Amino acid sequence: MEEYLAKLKEYLNMETELPFAEFAAFFEEFTAFLGANYEQFDQTTSLNARFVASILEANSQERAKRKTPETKRFKKMAQKSRIWLDAMNYRLLKSGMSQAQIDKANAEISDAM
């Protein structure tokens, strides 16, 4: 998970927009990682996964608003990101965290970026 956070931090600090191919590759790699490993995530890893999914969702939604050949793909990425974000949120709530605690942890991760 640390690898994905580090890569995301790099992307968030870029001056230019990430090209579609690189964005899509990161998205596919991250969602494959989640699919293969999410059941073993502890609370911290789940929080980090939720944060990455939220950034991917927001970015995909913004890019889907543009009229480009990739618009449909961005819409699908936003939908899949939302599914993972909700799944991580549910997992965290089930582990005993409140929504306020989850939101606070998300803000702390964001501030660290």
PDB file of N, CA and C in Angstrom:
ATOM      1  N   MET A   1       0.819  -1.191   0.000  1.00  0.00           N
ATOM      2  CA  MET A   1       0.000   0.000   0.000  1.00  0.00           C
ATOM      3  C   MET A   1       0.865   1.258   0.000  1.00  0.00           C
ATOM      4  N   GLU A   2       2.008   1.159   0.681  1.00  0.00           N
ATOM      5  CA  GLU A   2       2.907   2.320   0.736  1.00  0.00           C
ATOM      6  C   GLU A   2       3.347   2.748  -0.661  1.00  0.00           C
ATOM      7  N   GLU A   3       3.550   1.774  -1.531  1.00  0.00           N
ATOM      8  CA  GLU A   3       3.957   2.062  -2.914  1.00  0.00           C
ATOM      9  C   GLU A   3       2.887   2.900  -3.620  1.00  0.00           C
ATOM     10  N   TYR A   4       1.619   2.565  -3.408  1.00  0.00           N
ATOM     11  CA  TYR A   4       0.529   3.300  -4.055  1.00  0.00           C
ATOM     12  C   TYR A   4       0.384   4.705  -3.479  1.00  0.00           C
ATOM     13  N   LEU A   5       0.574   4.837  -2.171  1.00  0.00           N
ATOM     14  CA  LEU A   5       0.520   6.165  -1.560  1.00  0.00           C
ATOM     15  C   LEU A   5       1.664   7.052  -2.061  1.00  0.00           C
ATOM     16  N   ALA A   6       2.845   6.478  -2.171  1.00  0.00           N
ATOM     17  CA  ALA A   6       3.995   7.245  -2.649  1.00  0.00           C
ATOM     18  C   ALA A   6       3.780   7.692  -4.098  1.00  0.00           C
ATOM     19  N   LYS A   7       3.265   6.794  -4.917  1.00  0.00           N
ATOM     20  CA  LYS A   7       3.011   7.119  -6.321  1.00  0.00           C
ATOM     21  C   LYS A   7       1.921   8.184  -6.421  1.00  0.00           C
ATOM     22  N   LEU A   8       0.878   8.048  -5.593  1.00  0.00           N
ATOM     23  CA  LEU A   8      -0.201   9.029  -5.593  1.00  0.00           C
ATOM     24  C   LEU A   8       0.319  10.406  -5.175  1.00  0.00           C
ATOM     25  N   LYS A   9       1.172  10.437  -4.157  1.00  0.00           N
ATOM     26  CA  LYS A   9       1.752  11.706  -3.711  1.00  0.00           C
ATOM     27  C   LYS A   9       2.533  12.362  -4.849  1.00  0.00           C
ATOM     28  N   GLU A  10       3.285  11.550  -5.567  1.00  0.00           N
ATOM     29  CA  GLU A  10       4.035  12.058  -6.722  1.00  0.00           C
ATOM     30  C   GLU A  10       3.080  12.638  -7.755  1.00  0.00           C
ATOM     31  N   TYR A  11       1.995  11.915  -8.047  1.00  0.00           N
ATOM     32  CA  TYR A  11       1.011  12.379  -9.030  1.00  0.00           C
ATOM     33  C   TYR A  11       0.334  13.672  -8.578  1.00  0.00           C
ATOM     34  N   LEU A  12      -0.005  13.746  -7.304  1.00  0.00           N
ATOM     35  CA  LEU A  12      -0.700  14.933  -6.795  1.00  0.00           C
ATOM     36  C   LEU A  12       0.179  16.178  -6.819  1.00  0.00           C
ATOM     37  N   ASN A  13       1.486  15.992  -6.785  1.00  0.00           N
ATOM     38  CA  ASN A  13       2.402  17.129  -6.789  1.00  0.00           C
ATOM     39  C   ASN A  13       2.918  17.493  -8.176  1.00  0.00           C
ATOM     40  N   MET A  14       2.400  16.827  -9.201  1.00  0.00           N
ATOM     41  CA  MET A  14       2.815  17.121 -10.574  1.00  0.00           C
ATOM     42  C   MET A  14       2.233  18.457 -11.029  1.00  0.00           C
ATOM     43  N   GLU A  15       2.959  19.129 -11.878  1.00  0.00           N
ATOM     44  CA  GLU A  15       2.498  20.398 -12.449  1.00  0.00           C
ATOM     45  C   GLU A  15       1.538  20.166 -13.610  1.00  0.00           C
ATOM     46  N   THR A  16       1.704  19.046 -14.292  1.00  0.00           N
ATOM     47  CA  THR A  16       0.861  18.735 -15.445  1.00  0.00           C
ATOM     48  C   THR A  16      -0.059  17.558 -15.116  1.00  0.00           C
ATOM     49  N   GLU A  17      -1.073  17.387 -15.927  1.00  0.00           N
ATOM     50  CA  GLU A  17      -2.015  16.294 -15.718  1.00  0.00           C
ATOM     51  C   GLU A  17      -1.400  14.975 -16.166  1.00  0.00           C
ATOM     52  N   LEU A  18      -1.694  13.949 -15.417  1.00  0.00           N
ATOM     53  CA  LEU A  18      -1.205  12.612 -15.720  1.00  0.00           C
ATOM     54  C   LEU A  18      -1.837  12.135 -17.031  1.00  0.00           C
ATOM     55  N   PRO A  19      -1.045  11.635 -17.981  1.00  0.00           N
ATOM     56  CA  PRO A  19      -1.616  11.131 -19.229  1.00  0.00           C
ATOM     57  C   PRO A  19      -2.579   9.960 -18.961  1.00  0.00           C
ATOM     58  N   PHE A  20      -3.564   9.810 -19.841  1.00  0.00           N
ATOM     59  CA  PHE A  20      -4.575   8.777 -19.661  1.00  0.00           C
ATOM     60  C   PHE A  20      -3.966   7.398 -19.474  1.00  0.00           C
ATOM     61  N   ALA A  21      -3.014   7.022 -20.299  1.00  0.00           N
ATOM     62  CA  ALA A  21      -2.440   5.670 -20.237  1.00  0.00           C
ATOM     63  C   ALA A  21      -1.829   5.396 -18.859  1.00  0.00           C
ATOM     64  N   GLU A  22      -1.124   6.356 -18.317  1.00  0.00           N
ATOM     65  CA  GLU A  22      -0.492   6.172 -17.012  1.00  0.00           C
ATOM     66  C   GLU A  22      -1.542   6.148 -15.892  1.00  0.00           C
ATOM     67  N   PHE A  23      -2.543   7.012 -16.012  1.00  0.00           N
ATOM     68  CA  PHE A  23      -3.638   7.037 -15.035  1.00  0.00           C
ATOM     69  C   PHE A  23      -4.369   5.690 -15.040  1.00  0.00           C
ATOM     70  N   ALA A  24      -4.704   5.211 -16.227  1.00  0.00           N
ATOM     71  CA  ALA A  24      -5.421   3.938 -16.358  1.00  0.00           C
ATOM     72  C   ALA A  24      -4.586   2.778 -15.831  1.00  0.00           C
ATOM     73  N   ALA A  25      -3.289   2.793 -16.082  1.00  0.00           N
ATOM     74  CA  ALA A  25      -2.409   1.724 -15.595  1.00  0.00           C
ATOM     75  C   ALA A  25      -2.362   1.723 -14.069  1.00  0.00           C
ATOM     76  N   PHE A  26      -2.240   2.900 -13.472  1.00  0.00           N
ATOM     77  CA  PHE A  26      -2.237   3.004 -12.008  1.00  0.00           C
ATOM     78  C   PHE A  26      -3.564   2.503 -11.445  1.00  0.00           C
ATOM     79  N   PHE A  27      -4.657   2.931 -12.061  1.00  0.00           N
ATOM     80  CA  PHE A  27      -5.983   2.510 -11.620  1.00  0.00           C
ATOM     81  C   PHE A  27      -6.131   0.988 -11.679  1.00  0.00           C
ATOM     82  N   GLU A  28      -5.761   0.404 -12.797  1.00  0.00           N
ATOM     83  CA  GLU A  28      -5.894  -1.047 -12.968  1.00  0.00           C
ATOM     84  C   GLU A  28      -5.020  -1.811 -11.963  1.00  0.00           C
ATOM     85  N   GLU A  29      -3.800  -1.360 -11.784  1.00  0.00           N
ATOM     86  CA  GLU A  29      -2.893  -2.015 -10.840  1.00  0.00           C
ATOM     87  C   GLU A  29      -3.419  -1.912  -9.410  1.00  0.00           C
ATOM     88  N   PHE A  30      -3.906  -0.727  -9.050  1.00  0.00           N
ATOM     89  CA  PHE A  30      -4.418  -0.514  -7.698  1.00  0.00           C
ATOM     90  C   PHE A  30      -5.670  -1.351  -7.433  1.00  0.00           C
ATOM     91  N   THR A  31      -6.610  -1.357  -8.361  1.00  0.00           N
ATOM     92  CA  THR A  31      -7.839  -2.124  -8.141  1.00  0.00           C
ATOM     93  C   THR A  31      -7.560  -3.625  -8.148  1.00  0.00           C
ATOM     94  N   ALA A  32      -6.598  -4.069  -8.931  1.00  0.00           N
ATOM     95  CA  ALA A  32      -6.216  -5.492  -8.899  1.00  0.00           C
ATOM     96  C   ALA A  32      -5.608  -5.835  -7.542  1.00  0.00           C
ATOM     97  N   PHE A  33      -4.778  -4.941  -7.014  1.00  0.00           N
ATOM     98  CA  PHE A  33      -4.192  -5.131  -5.688  1.00  0.00           C
ATOM     99  C   PHE A  33      -5.286  -5.217  -4.624  1.00  0.00           C
ATOM    100  N   LEU A  34      -6.258  -4.323  -4.700  1.00  0.00           N
ATOM    101  CA  LEU A  34      -7.361  -4.357  -3.740  1.00  0.00           C
ATOM    102  C   LEU A  34      -8.118  -5.676  -3.825  1.00  0.00           C
ATOM    103  N   GLY A  35      -8.448  -6.074  -5.041  1.00  0.00           N
ATOM    104  CA  GLY A  35      -9.196  -7.308  -5.241  1.00  0.00           C
ATOM    105  C   GLY A  35      -8.493  -8.525  -4.678  1.00  0.00           C
ATOM    106  N   ALA A  36      -7.187  -8.527  -4.768  1.00  0.00           N
ATOM    107  CA  ALA A  36      -6.404  -9.684  -4.317  1.00  0.00           C
ATOM    108  C   ALA A  36      -6.106  -9.657  -2.819  1.00  0.00           C
ATOM    109  N   ASN A  37      -6.111  -8.472  -2.210  1.00  0.00           N
ATOM    110  CA  ASN A  37      -5.588  -8.360  -0.847  1.00  0.00           C
ATOM    111  C   ASN A  37      -6.492  -7.717   0.198  1.00  0.00           C
ATOM    112  N   TYR A  38      -7.608  -7.130  -0.182  1.00  0.00           N
ATOM    113  CA  TYR A  38      -8.349  -6.304   0.768  1.00  0.00           C
ATOM    114  C   TYR A  38      -8.818  -7.062   2.011  1.00  0.00           C
ATOM    115  N   GLU A  39      -9.035  -8.335   1.907  1.00  0.00           N
ATOM    116  CA  GLU A  39      -9.511  -9.092   3.061  1.00  0.00           C
ATOM    117  C   GLU A  39      -8.477  -9.161   4.181  1.00  0.00           C
ATOM    118  N   GLN A  40      -7.208  -8.968   3.865  1.00  0.00           N
ATOM    119  CA  GLN A  40      -6.152  -9.009   4.872  1.00  0.00           C
ATOM    120  C   GLN A  40      -5.791  -7.624   5.414  1.00  0.00           C
ATOM    121  N   PHE A  41      -6.438  -6.576   4.926  1.00  0.00           N
ATOM    122  CA  PHE A  41      -6.080  -5.219   5.338  1.00  0.00           C
ATOM    123  C   PHE A  41      -6.420  -4.979   6.803  1.00  0.00           C
ATOM    124  N   ASP A  42      -5.475  -4.338   7.495  1.00  0.00           N
ATOM    125  CA  ASP A  42      -5.761  -3.857   8.847  1.00  0.00           C
ATOM    126  C   ASP A  42      -6.416  -2.482   8.713  1.00  0.00           C
ATOM    127  N   GLN A  43      -6.690  -1.844   9.829  1.00  0.00           N
ATOM    128  CA  GLN A  43      -7.390  -0.569   9.820  1.00  0.00           C
ATOM    129  C   GLN A  43      -6.616   0.511   9.063  1.00  0.00           C
ATOM    130  N   THR A  44      -5.322   0.605   9.313  1.00  0.00           N
ATOM    131  CA  THR A  44      -4.496   1.630   8.656  1.00  0.00           C
ATOM    132  C   THR A  44      -4.459   1.421   7.151  1.00  0.00           C
ATOM    133  N   THR A  45      -4.277   0.194   6.729  1.00  0.00           N
ATOM    134  CA  THR A  45      -4.233  -0.106   5.297  1.00  0.00           C
ATOM    135  C   THR A  45      -5.587   0.172   4.655  1.00  0.00           C
ATOM    136  N   SER A  46      -6.659  -0.144   5.350  1.00  0.00           N
ATOM    137  CA  SER A  46      -8.001   0.146   4.833  1.00  0.00           C
ATOM    138  C   SER A  46      -8.222   1.653   4.693  1.00  0.00           C
ATOM    139  N   LEU A  47      -7.747   2.418   5.656  1.00  0.00           N
ATOM    140  CA  LEU A  47      -7.854   3.881   5.572  1.00  0.00           C
ATOM    141  C   LEU A  47      -7.076   4.412   4.373  1.00  0.00           C
ATOM    142  N   ASN A  48      -5.867   3.897   4.190  1.00  0.00           N
ATOM    143  CA  ASN A  48      -5.045   4.333   3.056  1.00  0.00           C
ATOM    144  C   ASN A  48      -5.698   3.944   1.730  1.00  0.00           C
ATOM    145  N   ALA A  49      -6.248   2.739   1.656  1.00  0.00           N
ATOM    146  CA  ALA A  49      -6.916   2.286   0.435  1.00  0.00           C
ATOM    147  C   ALA A  49      -8.132   3.155   0.145  1.00  0.00           C
ATOM    148  N   ARG A  50      -8.866   3.501   1.193  1.00  0.00           N
ATOM    149  CA  ARG A  50     -10.037   4.367   1.032  1.00  0.00           C
ATOM    150  C   ARG A  50      -9.612   5.726   0.490  1.00  0.00           C
ATOM    151  N   PHE A  51      -8.508   6.250   1.003  1.00  0.00           N
ATOM    152  CA  PHE A  51      -8.020   7.553   0.544  1.00  0.00           C
ATOM    153  C   PHE A  51      -7.643   7.504  -0.941  1.00  0.00           C
ATOM    154  N   VAL A  52      -6.874   6.499  -1.328  1.00  0.00           N
ATOM    155  CA  VAL A  52      -6.460   6.383  -2.733  1.00  0.00           C
ATOM    156  C   VAL A  52      -7.692   6.246  -3.627  1.00  0.00           C
ATOM    157  N   ALA A  53      -8.650   5.419  -3.216  1.00  0.00           N
ATOM    158  CA  ALA A  53      -9.873   5.238  -4.000  1.00  0.00           C
ATOM    159  C   ALA A  53     -10.641   6.549  -4.133  1.00  0.00           C
ATOM    160  N   SER A  54     -10.648   7.360  -3.072  1.00  0.00           N
ATOM    161  CA  SER A  54     -11.373   8.638  -3.127  1.00  0.00           C
ATOM    162  C   SER A  54     -10.708   9.605  -4.112  1.00  0.00           C
ATOM    163  N   ILE A  55      -9.390   9.604  -4.147  1.00  0.00           N
ATOM    164  CA  ILE A  55      -8.675  10.472  -5.094  1.00  0.00           C
ATOM    165  C   ILE A  55      -8.911   9.995  -6.526  1.00  0.00           C
ATOM    166  N   LEU A  56      -8.854   8.681  -6.730  1.00  0.00           N
ATOM    167  CA  LEU A  56      -9.116   8.140  -8.061  1.00  0.00           C
ATOM    168  C   LEU A  56     -10.539   8.458  -8.510  1.00  0.00           C
ATOM    169  N   GLU A  57     -11.490   8.349  -7.593  1.00  0.00           N
ATOM    170  CA  GLU A  57     -12.880   8.652  -7.952  1.00  0.00           C
ATOM    171  C   GLU A  57     -13.027  10.113  -8.350  1.00  0.00           C
ATOM    172  N   ALA A  58     -12.513  11.018  -7.530  1.00  0.00           N
ATOM    173  CA  ALA A  58     -12.645  12.450  -7.811  1.00  0.00           C
ATOM    174  C   ALA A  58     -11.975  12.819  -9.129  1.00  0.00           C
ATOM    175  N   ASN A  59     -10.794  12.287  -9.348  1.00  0.00           N
ATOM    176  CA  ASN A  59     -10.061  12.588 -10.571  1.00  0.00           C
ATOM    177  C   ASN A  59     -10.784  12.027 -11.790  1.00  0.00           C
ATOM    178  N   SER A  60     -11.278  10.804 -11.678  1.00  0.00           N
ATOM    179  CA  SER A  60     -12.002  10.180 -12.788  1.00  0.00           C
ATOM    180  C   SER A  60     -13.284  10.947 -13.110  1.00  0.00           C
ATOM    181  N   GLN A  61     -13.994  11.376 -12.068  1.00  0.00           N
ATOM    182  CA  GLN A  61     -15.220  12.137 -12.291  1.00  0.00           C
ATOM    183  C   GLN A  61     -14.947  13.442 -13.030  1.00  0.00           C
ATOM    184  N   GLU A  62     -13.892  14.128 -12.625  1.00  0.00           N
ATOM    185  CA  GLU A  62     -13.547  15.384 -13.292  1.00  0.00           C
ATOM    186  C   GLU A  62     -13.182  15.158 -14.750  1.00  0.00           C
ATOM    187  N   ARG A  63     -12.389  14.145 -15.000  1.00  0.00           N
ATOM    188  CA  ARG A  63     -11.972  13.859 -16.375  1.00  0.00           C
ATOM    189  C   ARG A  63     -13.135  13.351 -17.222  1.00  0.00           C
ATOM    190  N   ALA A  64     -14.108  12.700 -16.609  1.00  0.00           N
ATOM    191  CA  ALA A  64     -15.273  12.184 -17.343  1.00  0.00           C
ATOM    192  C   ALA A  64     -16.176  13.315 -17.833  1.00  0.00           C
ATOM    193  N   LYS A  65     -16.049  14.488 -17.249  1.00  0.00           N
ATOM    194  CA  LYS A  65     -16.868  15.631 -17.660  1.00  0.00           C
ATOM    195  C   LYS A  65     -16.428  16.200 -19.003  1.00  0.00           C
ATOM    196  N   ARG A  66     -15.222  15.867 -19.411  1.00  0.00           N
ATOM    197  CA  ARG A  66     -14.687  16.376 -20.671  1.00  0.00           C
ATOM    198  C   ARG A  66     -15.141  15.488 -21.824  1.00  0.00           C
ATOM    199  N   LYS A  67     -15.262  16.078 -22.977  1.00  0.00           N
ATOM    200  CA  LYS A  67     -15.629  15.318 -24.178  1.00  0.00           C
ATOM    201  C   LYS A  67     -14.341  14.846 -24.852  1.00  0.00           C
ATOM    202  N   THR A  68     -13.913  13.630 -24.477  1.00  0.00           N
ATOM    203  CA  THR A  68     -12.710  13.040 -25.056  1.00  0.00           C
ATOM    204  C   THR A  68     -13.020  11.585 -25.405  1.00  0.00           C
ATOM    205  N   PRO A  69     -12.158  10.951 -26.153  1.00  0.00           N
ATOM    206  CA  PRO A  69     -12.376   9.530 -26.451  1.00  0.00           C
ATOM    207  C   PRO A  69     -12.372   8.641 -25.205  1.00  0.00           C
ATOM    208  N   GLU A  70     -11.791   9.116 -24.112  1.00  0.00           N
ATOM    209  CA  GLU A  70     -11.694   8.328 -22.884  1.00  0.00           C
ATOM    210  C   GLU A  70     -12.823   8.603 -21.889  1.00  0.00           C
ATOM    211  N   THR A  71     -13.782   9.429 -22.246  1.00  0.00           N
ATOM    212  CA  THR A  71     -14.837   9.823 -21.308  1.00  0.00           C
ATOM    213  C   THR A  71     -15.533   8.618 -20.684  1.00  0.00           C
ATOM    214  N   LYS A  72     -15.927   7.650 -21.496  1.00  0.00           N
ATOM    215  CA  LYS A  72     -16.619   6.462 -20.974  1.00  0.00           C
ATOM    216  C   LYS A  72     -15.739   5.684 -19.999  1.00  0.00           C
ATOM    217  N   ARG A  73     -14.486   5.559 -20.338  1.00  0.00           N
ATOM    218  CA  ARG A  73     -13.573   4.816 -19.455  1.00  0.00           C
ATOM    219  C   ARG A  73     -13.401   5.523 -18.117  1.00  0.00           C
ATOM    220  N   PHE A  74     -13.333   6.847 -18.147  1.00  0.00           N
ATOM    221  CA  PHE A  74     -13.229   7.595 -16.897  1.00  0.00           C
ATOM    222  C   PHE A  74     -14.485   7.426 -16.046  1.00  0.00           C
ATOM    223  N   LYS A  75     -15.653   7.394 -16.687  1.00  0.00           N
ATOM    224  CA  LYS A  75     -16.900   7.180 -15.944  1.00  0.00           C
ATOM    225  C   LYS A  75     -16.883   5.818 -15.255  1.00  0.00           C
ATOM    226  N   LYS A  76     -16.419   4.796 -15.964  1.00  0.00           N
ATOM    227  CA  LYS A  76     -16.336   3.448 -15.385  1.00  0.00           C
ATOM    228  C   LYS A  76     -15.323   3.415 -14.233  1.00  0.00           C
ATOM    229  N   MET A  77     -14.196   4.094 -14.406  1.00  0.00           N
ATOM    230  CA  MET A  77     -13.192   4.149 -13.346  1.00  0.00           C
ATOM    231  C   MET A  77     -13.766   4.845 -12.114  1.00  0.00           C
ATOM    232  N   ALA A  78     -14.527   5.911 -12.311  1.00  0.00           N
ATOM    233  CA  ALA A  78     -15.134   6.622 -11.186  1.00  0.00           C
ATOM    234  C   ALA A  78     -16.111   5.698 -10.452  1.00  0.00           C
ATOM    235  N   GLN A  79     -16.894   4.930 -11.199  1.00  0.00           N
ATOM    236  CA  GLN A  79     -17.854   4.004 -10.587  1.00  0.00           C
ATOM    237  C   GLN A  79     -17.133   2.918  -9.786  1.00  0.00           C
ATOM    238  N   LYS A  80     -16.098   2.350 -10.370  1.00  0.00           N
ATOM    239  CA  LYS A  80     -15.348   1.291  -9.674  1.00  0.00           C
ATOM    240  C   LYS A  80     -14.627   1.850  -8.446  1.00  0.00           C
ATOM    241  N   SER A  81     -14.104   3.054  -8.568  1.00  0.00           N
ATOM    242  CA  SER A  81     -13.443   3.686  -7.423  1.00  0.00           C
ATOM    243  C   SER A  81     -14.438   3.905  -6.293  1.00  0.00           C
ATOM    244  N   ARG A  82     -15.652   4.325  -6.642  1.00  0.00           N
ATOM    245  CA  ARG A  82     -16.696   4.544  -5.629  1.00  0.00           C
ATOM    246  C   ARG A  82     -17.048   3.230  -4.938  1.00  0.00           C
ATOM    247  N   ILE A  83     -17.105   2.146  -5.677  1.00  0.00           N
ATOM    248  CA  ILE A  83     -17.393   0.833  -5.078  1.00  0.00           C
ATOM    249  C   ILE A  83     -16.318   0.483  -4.054  1.00  0.00           C
ATOM    250  N   TRP A  84     -15.050   0.666  -4.419  1.00  0.00           N
ATOM    251  CA  TRP A  84     -13.966   0.357  -3.484  1.00  0.00           C
ATOM    252  C   TRP A  84     -13.962   1.314  -2.298  1.00  0.00           C
ATOM    253  N   LEU A  85     -14.230   2.587  -2.544  1.00  0.00           N
ATOM    254  CA  LEU A  85     -14.287   3.555  -1.455  1.00  0.00           C
ATOM    255  C   LEU A  85     -15.369   3.143  -0.458  1.00  0.00           C
ATOM    256  N   ASP A  86     -16.541   2.803  -0.971  1.00  0.00           N
ATOM    257  CA  ASP A  86     -17.642   2.379  -0.098  1.00  0.00           C
ATOM    258  C   ASP A  86     -17.317   1.074   0.629  1.00  0.00           C
ATOM    259  N   ALA A  87     -16.653   0.152  -0.054  1.00  0.00           N
ATOM    260  CA  ALA A  87     -16.289  -1.129   0.570  1.00  0.00           C
ATOM    261  C   ALA A  87     -15.297  -0.917   1.713  1.00  0.00           C
ATOM    262  N   MET A  88     -14.312  -0.050   1.497  1.00  0.00           N
ATOM    263  CA  MET A  88     -13.342   0.233   2.553  1.00  0.00           C
ATOM    264  C   MET A  88     -14.016   0.969   3.707  1.00  0.00           C
ATOM    265  N   ASN A  89     -14.923   1.878   3.379  1.00  0.00           N
ATOM    266  CA  ASN A  89     -15.644   2.614   4.414  1.00  0.00           C
ATOM    267  C   ASN A  89     -16.479   1.646   5.262  1.00  0.00           C
ATOM    268  N   TYR A  90     -17.174   0.730   4.602  1.00  0.00           N
ATOM    269  CA  TYR A  90     -17.987  -0.264   5.312  1.00  0.00           C
ATOM    270  C   TYR A  90     -17.113  -1.119   6.222  1.00  0.00           C
ATOM    271  N   ARG A  91     -15.977  -1.533   5.694  1.00  0.00           N
ATOM    272  CA  ARG A  91     -15.050  -2.370   6.470  1.00  0.00           C
ATOM    273  C   ARG A  91     -14.567  -1.641   7.722  1.00  0.00           C
ATOM    274  N   LEU A  92     -14.275  -0.348   7.570  1.00  0.00           N
ATOM    275  CA  LEU A  92     -13.811   0.461   8.702  1.00  0.00           C
ATOM    276  C   LEU A  92     -14.926   0.660   9.734  1.00  0.00           C
ATOM    277  N   LEU A  93     -16.135   0.912   9.261  1.00  0.00           N
ATOM    278  CA  LEU A  93     -17.275   1.049  10.179  1.00  0.00           C
ATOM    279  C   LEU A  93     -17.506  -0.258  10.933  1.00  0.00           C
ATOM    280  N   LYS A  94     -17.390  -1.359  10.216  1.00  0.00           N
ATOM    281  CA  LYS A  94     -17.582  -2.684  10.807  1.00  0.00           C
ATOM    282  C   LYS A  94     -16.497  -2.987  11.851  1.00  0.00           C
ATOM    283  N   SER A  95     -15.310  -2.405  11.659  1.00  0.00           N
ATOM    284  CA  SER A  95     -14.208  -2.641  12.600  1.00  0.00           C
ATOM    285  C   SER A  95     -14.350  -1.805  13.876  1.00  0.00           C
ATOM    286  N   GLY A  96     -15.354  -0.935  13.911  1.00  0.00           N
ATOM    287  CA  GLY A  96     -15.587  -0.157  15.126  1.00  0.00           C
ATOM    288  C   GLY A  96     -15.325   1.328  15.008  1.00  0.00           C
ATOM    289  N   MET A  97     -14.836   1.789  13.877  1.00  0.00           N
ATOM    290  CA  MET A  97     -14.605   3.222  13.704  1.00  0.00           C
ATOM    291  C   MET A  97     -15.926   3.923  13.403  1.00  0.00           C
ATOM    292  N   SER A  98     -16.048   5.169  13.821  1.00  0.00           N
ATOM    293  CA  SER A  98     -17.219   5.972  13.462  1.00  0.00           C
ATOM    294  C   SER A  98     -16.910   6.693  12.145  1.00  0.00           C
ATOM    295  N   GLN A  99     -17.954   7.194  11.492  1.00  0.00           N
ATOM    296  CA  GLN A  99     -17.731   7.930  10.246  1.00  0.00           C
ATOM    297  C   GLN A  99     -16.884   9.176  10.507  1.00  0.00           C
ATOM    298  N   ALA A 100     -17.082   9.807  11.648  1.00  0.00           N
ATOM    299  CA  ALA A 100     -16.285  10.990  11.998  1.00  0.00           C
ATOM    300  C   ALA A 100     -14.805  10.629  12.133  1.00  0.00           C
ATOM    301  N   GLN A 101     -14.511   9.487  12.736  1.00  0.00           N
ATOM    302  CA  GLN A 101     -13.116   9.044  12.872  1.00  0.00           C
ATOM    303  C   GLN A 101     -12.510   8.734  11.502  1.00  0.00           C
ATOM    304  N   ILE A 102     -13.301   8.113  10.639  1.00  0.00           N
ATOM    305  CA  ILE A 102     -12.829   7.795   9.285  1.00  0.00           C
ATOM    306  C   ILE A 102     -12.532   9.086   8.531  1.00  0.00           C
ATOM    307  N   ASP A 103     -13.448  10.044   8.605  1.00  0.00           N
ATOM    308  CA  ASP A 103     -13.262  11.323   7.916  1.00  0.00           C
ATOM    309  C   ASP A 103     -12.043  12.080   8.444  1.00  0.00           C
ATOM    310  N   LYS A 104     -11.846  12.027   9.754  1.00  0.00           N
ATOM    311  CA  LYS A 104     -10.684  12.695  10.366  1.00  0.00           C
ATOM    312  C   LYS A 104      -9.383  12.042   9.892  1.00  0.00           C
ATOM    313  N   ALA A 105      -9.346  10.713   9.873  1.00  0.00           N
ATOM    314  CA  ALA A 105      -8.153   9.995   9.406  1.00  0.00           C
ATOM    315  C   ALA A 105      -7.894  10.301   7.937  1.00  0.00           C
ATOM    316  N   ASN A 106      -8.957  10.395   7.151  1.00  0.00           N
ATOM    317  CA  ASN A 106      -8.821  10.718   5.718  1.00  0.00           C
ATOM    318  C   ASN A 106      -8.216  12.104   5.550  1.00  0.00           C
ATOM    319  N   ALA A 107      -8.681  13.053   6.356  1.00  0.00           N
ATOM    320  CA  ALA A 107      -8.133  14.416   6.306  1.00  0.00           C
ATOM    321  C   ALA A 107      -6.669  14.442   6.701  1.00  0.00           C
ATOM    322  N   GLU A 108      -6.295  13.638   7.679  1.00  0.00           N
ATOM    323  CA  GLU A 108      -4.887  13.558   8.111  1.00  0.00           C
ATOM    324  C   GLU A 108      -4.007  12.978   7.009  1.00  0.00           C
ATOM    325  N   ILE A 109      -4.501  11.961   6.328  1.00  0.00           N
ATOM    326  CA  ILE A 109      -3.744  11.391   5.200  1.00  0.00           C
ATOM    327  C   ILE A 109      -3.584  12.438   4.108  1.00  0.00           C
ATOM    328  N   SER A 110      -4.660  13.151   3.829  1.00  0.00           N
ATOM    329  CA  SER A 110      -4.632  14.198   2.806  1.00  0.00           C
ATOM    330  C   SER A 110      -3.627  15.294   3.159  1.00  0.00           C
ATOM    331  N   ASP A 111      -3.618  15.707   4.424  1.00  0.00           N
ATOM    332  CA  ASP A 111      -2.680  16.745   4.861  1.00  0.00           C
ATOM    333  C   ASP A 111      -1.221  16.284   4.725  1.00  0.00           C
ATOM    334  N   ALA A 112      -1.000  14.997   4.897  1.00  0.00           N
ATOM    335  CA  ALA A 112       0.363  14.444   4.800  1.00  0.00           C
ATOM    336  C   ALA A 112       0.837  14.391   3.349  1.00  0.00           C
ATOM    337  N   MET A 113      -0.070  14.477   2.426  1.00  0.00           N
ATOM    338  CA  MET A 113       0.299  14.429   1.004  1.00  0.00           C
ATOM    339  C   MET A 113       0.885  15.760   0.596  1.00  0.00           C
TER     340      MET A 113
END
